[in-house]
Amino acid sequence: MKIAAFKVEEWMNEYEVDAEYNIAETCVESLTVEELLNLADDPELRLEEIKKMQLTYGDIKGSAGFKKGVSSLYQTIEPQNILPSHGAIGANFLLLYSLVEAGDQIVSVFPTYQQLYSIPESFGAEVKKLELQYEDGFLPDLEQLESLLSEQTKLIAINNPNNPSGVVMNKEILEKIVEMARAVDAYILADEVYRGFDLEEEIPSIADLYEKGISVGSMSKIFSLAGLRVGWIAGPEAVIENCQLHRDYITISNPMISDYLSVVALENKEKLLQRNLKKVKKQLEIVDSWVEQENLVEYIKPNGGTTAFIKYNLDLDSETFAKKLFQEKGVLVVPGIAFGRENFIRIGFAGNEEELKTGLALLKEFLREQV
């Protein structure tokens, strides 16, 4: 089976470790284990429970505490509608592996996380791309979407909030997409790993809006726990059962300690998300102020998530731009071409605050030097 190179992950693999100023990171600045346990009412008891764990396979389909905690992030989803995975990346793969066959028609927004279109293509599906344009604020053209759908459409893939742009499809847009999907009896897969930061308005889950809506989430982005490598699928029971059938071949179970620490985070989600949302809002304003003062760049201000897709006005392709910036300033960004767009770079603004400020200052220097 042939599959396209995963451009954004290849880029991060090559440059992330050696970056002096990483403003490409998409997670909110990660917690230590101590910081996470201190959110609980009795941190010492939690630590003792971890020490006494016998490291078996654990709960094959995820612990009751984990599924209860994840279901609390939704309005209509029950614990039996949750299946844990190896991060959201594992959830997306498992879902597409379980639902998509050669000859199926898939519609995917673009740009987005490459899994959503490259994996179906590798299975022999026909993938039609719904182009999200800068001029439209990176929101979908619903007339174009309707023109791409047919009775053969198996699945519509969206990413909300969007990566790389940080733009949110609101409830009104989602409900219109649901109407179109229902008309052709298609699933909707929504990669919702950045959902939970309500920068302007509440972001509904597709799993709460549509009987064939499937949500993918993780502990990585908004919960600051990427190192746990825990994600999930939330959706109809029939889909969960189908994914479990395929999951037996690739996962067996999530690590017991990762499940346990995820439960701690979910039980204390109000405190954790309040901490992270405050940080995201503050650091987005740092980026916004920087963009306003820099006449060589512009962007659609993100209203969800932790990423911004910055458009620059230089006669320089995005890969050359990003490599020169890394080599000359030690600053890591992601070139827009990794998302199929030239004259853009993606930054992440929810990491270390001082690193963000320094990285932006050096980026400003670099821009001036290119004129």
Protein backbone atom coordinates (compact mmCIF):
# COMPACT_ATOMS: atom_id res chain seq x y z
CA MET A 1 0.00 0.00 0.00
CA LYS A 2 1.41 3.37 -1.02
CA ILE A 3 0.75 6.50 0.98
CA ALA A 4 1.86 10.12 0.59
CA ALA A 5 4.59 11.43 2.87
CA PHE A 6 3.10 13.13 5.94
CA LYS A 7 4.54 16.58 5.28
CA VAL A 8 3.94 18.38 8.57
CA GLU A 9 5.13 15.44 10.66
CA GLU A 10 8.24 14.97 8.50
CA TRP A 11 9.03 18.66 8.99
CA MET A 12 8.62 18.49 12.76
CA ASN A 13 10.63 15.27 12.95
CA GLU A 14 13.56 16.89 11.16
CA TYR A 15 13.72 20.23 12.94
CA GLU A 16 11.86 20.16 16.26
CA VAL A 17 14.58 18.68 18.49
CA ASP A 18 17.23 21.22 17.45
CA ALA A 19 15.03 24.32 17.45
CA GLU A 20 16.10 27.10 19.83
CA TYR A 21 12.71 28.78 19.63
CA ASN A 22 9.91 26.40 18.76
CA ILE A 23 6.85 28.40 17.78
CA ALA A 24 5.53 25.54 15.68
CA GLU A 25 4.30 23.45 18.62
CA THR A 26 0.52 22.99 18.65
CA CYS A 27 -0.11 21.80 22.23
CA VAL A 28 -0.70 24.06 25.18
CA GLU A 29 2.53 24.06 27.20
CA SER A 30 2.78 20.58 28.66
CA LEU A 31 2.19 19.74 32.31
CA THR A 32 4.59 17.78 34.46
CA VAL A 33 3.23 14.71 36.22
CA GLU A 34 3.55 16.61 39.50
CA GLU A 35 1.52 19.56 38.17
CA LEU A 36 -1.18 17.20 36.97
CA LEU A 37 -1.42 15.26 40.24
CA ASN A 38 -1.55 18.53 42.19
CA LEU A 39 -4.85 19.30 40.50
CA ALA A 40 -6.38 16.36 42.39
CA ASP A 41 -7.72 16.63 45.93
CA ASP A 42 -5.15 14.15 47.32
CA PRO A 43 -2.00 14.10 45.13
CA GLU A 44 -0.08 11.80 47.46
CA LEU A 45 -2.83 9.20 47.38
CA ARG A 46 -2.85 9.36 43.58
CA LEU A 47 0.89 8.82 43.45
CA GLU A 48 0.66 5.86 45.81
CA GLU A 49 -2.04 4.30 43.63
CA ILE A 50 0.26 4.57 40.61
CA LYS A 51 3.11 2.96 42.54
CA LYS A 52 0.93 -0.03 43.44
CA MET A 53 -0.31 -0.66 39.91
CA GLN A 54 0.33 -4.08 38.48
CA LEU A 55 1.19 -3.32 34.86
CA THR A 56 -1.15 -5.63 33.01
CA TYR A 57 -2.98 -4.80 29.78
CA GLY A 58 -5.61 -3.09 31.93
CA ASP A 59 -9.08 -2.34 30.64
CA ILE A 60 -8.95 -3.39 27.00
CA LYS A 61 -11.67 -0.95 25.88
CA GLY A 62 -10.65 1.79 28.30
CA SER A 63 -11.45 2.17 31.99
CA ALA A 64 -14.92 3.15 33.14
CA GLY A 65 -13.46 6.33 34.63
CA PHE A 66 -11.87 7.31 31.32
CA LYS A 67 -15.00 6.74 29.25
CA LYS A 68 -17.15 8.55 31.81
CA GLY A 69 -14.74 11.49 31.82
CA VAL A 70 -14.60 11.75 28.03
CA SER A 71 -18.38 11.45 27.68
CA SER A 72 -18.70 14.47 30.01
CA LEU A 73 -17.14 16.58 27.24
CA TYR A 74 -20.26 15.99 25.10
CA GLN A 75 -23.99 16.68 25.45
CA THR A 76 -25.44 13.40 24.17
CA ILE A 77 -22.58 10.90 24.16
CA GLU A 78 -22.64 8.07 26.71
CA PRO A 79 -19.63 6.05 27.95
CA GLN A 80 -20.49 3.17 25.61
CA ASN A 81 -20.05 5.59 22.69
CA ILE A 82 -16.37 6.14 23.55
CA LEU A 83 -13.37 4.12 22.33
CA PRO A 84 -9.83 5.09 23.44
CA SER A 85 -6.95 5.20 20.98
CA HIS A 86 -3.25 5.96 20.66
CA GLY A 87 -3.71 9.71 20.48
CA ALA A 88 -6.03 11.44 18.02
CA ILE A 89 -3.68 10.32 15.25
CA GLY A 90 -4.52 6.72 16.16
CA ALA A 91 -8.22 7.53 16.37
CA ASN A 92 -8.31 9.08 12.89
CA PHE A 93 -6.44 6.14 11.40
CA LEU A 94 -8.58 3.56 13.16
CA LEU A 95 -11.79 5.21 12.10
CA LEU A 96 -10.79 5.59 8.46
CA TYR A 97 -9.35 2.06 8.45
CA SER A 98 -12.69 0.77 9.76
CA LEU A 99 -15.07 2.72 7.50
CA VAL A 100 -13.35 3.48 4.19
CA GLU A 101 -12.90 1.00 1.36
CA ALA A 102 -11.49 1.19 -2.15
CA GLY A 103 -13.93 2.94 -4.47
CA ASP A 104 -15.64 4.98 -1.74
CA GLN A 105 -16.03 8.72 -2.24
CA ILE A 106 -14.73 10.99 0.51
CA VAL A 107 -14.96 14.77 0.81
CA SER A 108 -12.35 16.48 2.97
CA VAL A 109 -11.75 20.10 3.85
CA PHE A 110 -8.37 21.42 2.71
CA PRO A 111 -6.04 22.61 4.19
CA THR A 112 -6.30 20.37 7.21
CA TYR A 113 -4.40 17.64 9.03
CA GLN A 114 -3.13 15.41 6.24
CA GLN A 115 -4.46 12.16 7.71
CA LEU A 116 -7.99 13.14 6.74
CA TYR A 117 -7.33 12.91 3.01
CA SER A 118 -4.10 10.95 2.52
CA ILE A 119 -5.24 7.88 4.46
CA PRO A 120 -8.48 7.43 2.43
CA GLU A 121 -6.47 7.95 -0.78
CA SER A 122 -4.08 5.18 0.29
CA PHE A 123 -7.06 2.82 0.71
CA GLY A 124 -8.13 3.50 -2.87
CA ALA A 125 -10.94 5.93 -2.09
CA GLU A 126 -11.71 8.90 -4.32
CA VAL A 127 -11.06 12.03 -2.26
CA LYS A 128 -12.61 15.34 -3.25
CA LYS A 129 -11.17 18.41 -1.55
CA LEU A 130 -13.30 21.24 -0.26
CA GLU A 131 -10.89 24.17 -0.58
CA LEU A 132 -10.89 26.60 2.35
CA GLN A 133 -9.82 29.99 1.00
CA TYR A 134 -8.09 32.84 2.82
CA GLU A 135 -10.48 35.27 1.12
CA ASP A 136 -13.42 33.42 2.72
CA GLY A 137 -11.84 33.50 6.17
CA PHE A 138 -10.93 29.81 5.82
CA LEU A 139 -14.62 28.91 6.19
CA PRO A 140 -16.23 26.36 3.85
CA ASP A 141 -18.14 27.38 0.75
CA LEU A 142 -21.32 25.40 1.41
CA GLU A 143 -22.49 25.59 -2.19
CA GLN A 144 -19.19 24.08 -3.28
CA LEU A 145 -19.56 21.37 -0.64
CA GLU A 146 -23.02 20.47 -1.92
CA SER A 147 -21.66 20.21 -5.46
CA LEU A 148 -19.03 17.70 -4.28
CA LEU A 149 -21.53 15.37 -2.63
CA SER A 150 -23.36 12.48 -4.26
CA GLU A 151 -25.20 9.31 -3.30
CA GLN A 152 -21.78 7.61 -3.38
CA THR A 153 -20.28 9.91 -0.70
CA LYS A 154 -19.29 7.72 2.24
CA LEU A 155 -17.81 10.32 4.57
CA ILE A 156 -17.22 14.04 4.96
CA ALA A 157 -14.04 14.91 6.90
CA ILE A 158 -13.76 18.23 8.72
CA ASN A 159 -11.41 19.67 11.31
CA ASN A 160 -12.96 22.01 13.86
CA PRO A 161 -11.30 24.23 15.03
CA ASN A 162 -9.20 24.03 11.90
CA ASN A 163 -5.51 23.20 11.81
CA PRO A 164 -3.64 25.21 10.49
CA SER A 165 -5.86 28.32 10.51
CA GLY A 166 -7.42 28.18 14.00
CA VAL A 167 -10.79 29.10 12.44
CA VAL A 168 -14.01 27.67 13.89
CA MET A 169 -17.06 26.45 12.00
CA ASN A 170 -19.93 27.64 14.21
CA LYS A 171 -23.12 25.75 15.01
CA GLU A 172 -25.01 27.27 12.06
CA ILE A 173 -22.39 26.09 9.55
CA LEU A 174 -22.16 22.66 11.15
CA GLU A 175 -25.93 22.21 11.04
CA LYS A 176 -25.94 23.00 7.32
CA ILE A 177 -23.19 20.45 6.74
CA VAL A 178 -25.23 17.93 8.73
CA GLU A 179 -28.25 18.56 6.48
CA MET A 180 -26.14 17.86 3.39
CA ALA A 181 -24.60 14.73 4.90
CA ARG A 182 -27.98 13.40 5.97
CA ALA A 183 -29.34 13.92 2.47
CA VAL A 184 -26.75 11.51 1.04
CA ASP A 185 -26.52 9.29 4.17
CA ALA A 186 -22.83 10.09 4.73
CA TYR A 187 -20.84 9.97 7.92
CA ILE A 188 -19.17 13.14 9.18
CA LEU A 189 -15.76 12.70 10.79
CA ALA A 190 -14.78 15.77 12.79
CA ASP A 191 -11.22 15.98 14.07
CA GLU A 192 -11.98 18.07 17.18
CA VAL A 193 -8.67 17.92 19.02
CA TYR A 194 -8.71 21.71 19.55
CA ARG A 195 -12.36 21.89 20.66
CA GLY A 196 -12.84 23.12 24.21
CA PHE A 197 -11.34 26.59 23.94
CA ASP A 198 -14.35 28.86 23.45
CA LEU A 199 -12.56 32.02 22.36
CA GLU A 200 -15.74 33.59 20.96
CA GLU A 201 -18.61 31.13 21.27
CA GLU A 202 -19.21 27.55 22.31
CA ILE A 203 -17.95 25.03 19.78
CA PRO A 204 -20.46 22.18 19.44
CA SER A 205 -19.36 18.66 18.65
CA ILE A 206 -20.51 17.01 15.46
CA ALA A 207 -21.27 13.91 17.55
CA ASP A 208 -23.94 15.91 19.39
CA LEU A 209 -25.45 17.35 16.21
CA TYR A 210 -25.76 14.32 13.93
CA GLU A 211 -26.70 10.67 14.32
CA LYS A 212 -23.82 9.72 11.98
CA GLY A 213 -21.42 12.28 13.40
CA ILE A 214 -18.10 11.01 14.75
CA SER A 215 -15.82 13.09 16.94
CA VAL A 216 -12.10 12.53 17.46
CA GLY A 217 -10.39 14.11 20.46
CA SER A 218 -7.27 13.72 22.57
CA MET A 219 -5.52 14.57 25.81
CA SER A 220 -2.72 16.27 23.86
CA LYS A 221 -3.76 19.74 22.76
CA ILE A 222 -6.16 21.40 25.18
CA PHE A 223 -5.26 19.16 28.14
CA SER A 224 -1.46 19.70 27.78
CA LEU A 225 -0.76 15.96 28.05
CA ALA A 226 0.63 14.92 24.68
CA GLY A 227 3.08 12.53 26.33
CA LEU A 228 0.26 10.28 27.49
CA ARG A 229 -0.55 9.43 23.83
CA VAL A 230 -4.25 9.04 24.59
CA GLY A 231 -7.09 9.94 22.25
CA TRP A 232 -10.58 8.69 21.52
CA ILE A 233 -13.41 8.18 19.08
CA ALA A 234 -16.90 9.33 20.12
CA GLY A 235 -19.75 8.22 17.92
CA PRO A 236 -22.62 5.81 17.23
CA GLU A 237 -22.39 2.44 18.95
CA ALA A 238 -22.29 0.59 15.63
CA VAL A 239 -19.25 2.64 14.59
CA ILE A 240 -17.58 2.03 17.95
CA GLU A 241 -18.15 -1.73 17.62
CA ASN A 242 -16.73 -1.72 14.09
CA CYS A 243 -13.67 0.25 15.21
CA GLN A 244 -13.14 -2.14 18.14
CA LEU A 245 -13.16 -5.07 15.70
CA HIS A 246 -10.30 -3.42 13.78
CA ARG A 247 -8.62 -2.05 16.92
CA ASP A 248 -7.98 -5.61 18.14
CA TYR A 249 -5.43 -5.92 15.33
CA ILE A 250 -3.44 -2.75 16.06
CA THR A 251 -3.78 -1.60 19.68
CA ILE A 252 -5.13 -4.13 22.22
CA SER A 253 -5.22 -1.46 24.97
CA ASN A 254 -3.92 1.91 26.07
CA PRO A 255 -1.20 2.02 28.77
CA MET A 256 -2.66 1.73 32.27
CA ILE A 257 -0.75 4.73 33.61
CA SER A 258 -1.80 6.89 30.67
CA ASP A 259 -5.43 5.92 31.25
CA TYR A 260 -5.10 6.68 34.97
CA LEU A 261 -3.50 10.09 34.45
CA SER A 262 -6.08 10.94 31.81
CA VAL A 263 -8.81 10.23 34.36
CA VAL A 264 -7.12 12.61 36.82
CA ALA A 265 -7.13 15.32 34.15
CA LEU A 266 -10.75 14.68 33.16
CA GLU A 267 -11.92 14.68 36.78
CA ASN A 268 -10.28 18.09 37.18
CA LYS A 269 -11.05 19.43 33.70
CA GLU A 270 -12.56 22.70 34.90
CA LYS A 271 -9.35 23.74 36.67
CA LEU A 272 -7.11 22.49 33.89
CA LEU A 273 -9.07 24.05 31.03
CA GLN A 274 -9.43 27.32 32.89
CA ARG A 275 -5.63 27.44 33.30
CA ASN A 276 -5.06 26.61 29.64
CA LEU A 277 -7.76 28.87 28.20
CA LYS A 278 -6.36 31.83 30.11
CA LYS A 279 -2.94 31.12 28.65
CA VAL A 280 -4.27 30.68 25.10
CA LYS A 281 -6.22 33.95 25.20
CA LYS A 282 -3.25 35.90 26.56
CA GLN A 283 -0.78 34.52 24.05
CA LEU A 284 -3.13 34.93 21.11
CA GLU A 285 -3.23 38.63 21.92
CA ILE A 286 0.58 38.66 21.83
CA VAL A 287 0.43 37.22 18.32
CA ASP A 288 -2.38 39.55 17.28
CA SER A 289 -0.48 42.63 18.44
CA TRP A 290 2.61 41.41 16.59
CA VAL A 291 0.68 40.88 13.35
CA GLU A 292 -0.93 44.33 13.58
CA GLN A 293 2.48 45.97 13.85
CA GLU A 294 4.09 43.98 11.03
CA ASN A 295 3.22 45.22 7.54
CA LEU A 296 4.75 42.21 5.78
CA VAL A 297 2.23 39.76 7.24
CA GLU A 298 -1.51 39.33 7.71
CA TYR A 299 -3.81 36.59 8.94
CA ILE A 300 -7.31 35.50 9.80
CA LYS A 301 -7.30 35.85 13.57
CA PRO A 302 -7.93 32.42 15.12
CA ASN A 303 -11.12 32.02 17.13
CA GLY A 304 -10.35 28.52 18.35
CA GLY A 305 -7.42 26.17 18.89
CA THR A 306 -3.75 27.02 19.28
CA THR A 307 -2.50 27.63 15.72
CA ALA A 308 -2.39 30.58 13.33
CA PHE A 309 -1.78 30.51 9.59
CA ILE A 310 0.18 33.64 8.75
CA LYS A 311 0.31 35.02 5.21
CA TYR A 312 3.52 36.84 4.30
CA ASN A 313 4.26 39.27 1.49
CA LEU A 314 7.69 38.17 0.25
CA ASP A 315 8.92 36.61 -2.98
CA LEU A 316 10.06 33.49 -1.16
CA ASP A 317 8.51 30.04 -1.18
CA SER A 318 7.41 28.81 2.23
CA GLU A 319 9.88 25.94 2.56
CA THR A 320 12.85 28.21 1.78
CA PHE A 321 11.39 30.80 4.16
CA ALA A 322 11.08 28.29 7.03
CA LYS A 323 14.53 26.75 6.45
CA LYS A 324 16.27 30.14 6.32
CA LEU A 325 14.45 31.27 9.45
CA PHE A 326 15.55 28.12 11.26
CA GLN A 327 19.15 28.33 10.07
CA GLU A 328 19.62 32.05 10.66
CA LYS A 329 17.51 32.65 13.76
CA GLY A 330 16.93 29.24 15.33
CA VAL A 331 13.17 29.75 15.07
CA LEU A 332 10.92 26.86 14.04
CA VAL A 333 7.68 27.39 12.10
CA VAL A 334 5.89 25.10 9.65
CA PRO A 335 5.96 26.07 5.96
CA GLY A 336 2.56 26.53 4.39
CA ILE A 337 3.40 24.05 1.64
CA ALA A 338 3.10 21.30 4.28
CA PHE A 339 -0.61 22.18 4.13
CA GLY A 340 -0.69 22.75 0.38
CA ARG A 341 -0.50 26.54 0.59
CA GLU A 342 2.35 28.80 -0.46
CA ASN A 343 3.19 32.19 1.11
CA PHE A 344 1.96 31.00 4.49
CA ILE A 345 3.60 29.75 7.66
CA ARG A 346 1.88 28.04 10.57
CA ILE A 347 2.77 28.97 14.10
CA GLY A 348 1.57 27.60 17.43
CA PHE A 349 1.07 30.21 20.11
CA ALA A 350 0.19 28.23 23.24
CA GLY A 351 3.66 27.01 24.29
CA ASN A 352 6.12 28.79 26.54
CA GLU A 353 5.25 32.48 26.63
CA GLU A 354 8.83 33.82 26.64
CA GLU A 355 9.80 31.48 23.81
CA LEU A 356 6.84 32.79 21.80
CA LYS A 357 7.82 36.43 22.39
CA THR A 358 11.46 35.83 21.47
CA GLY A 359 10.53 33.76 18.44
CA LEU A 360 8.22 36.48 17.14
CA ALA A 361 10.87 39.15 17.70
CA LEU A 362 13.39 37.11 15.71
CA LEU A 363 10.80 36.45 13.03
CA LYS A 364 10.32 40.21 12.74
CA GLU A 365 14.09 40.66 12.30
CA PHE A 366 14.12 37.95 9.64
CA LEU A 367 11.27 39.53 7.70
CA ARG A 368 13.07 42.88 7.62
CA GLU A 369 16.24 41.24 6.37
CA GLN A 370 14.44 39.71 3.38
CA VAL A 371 13.21 43.03 1.98
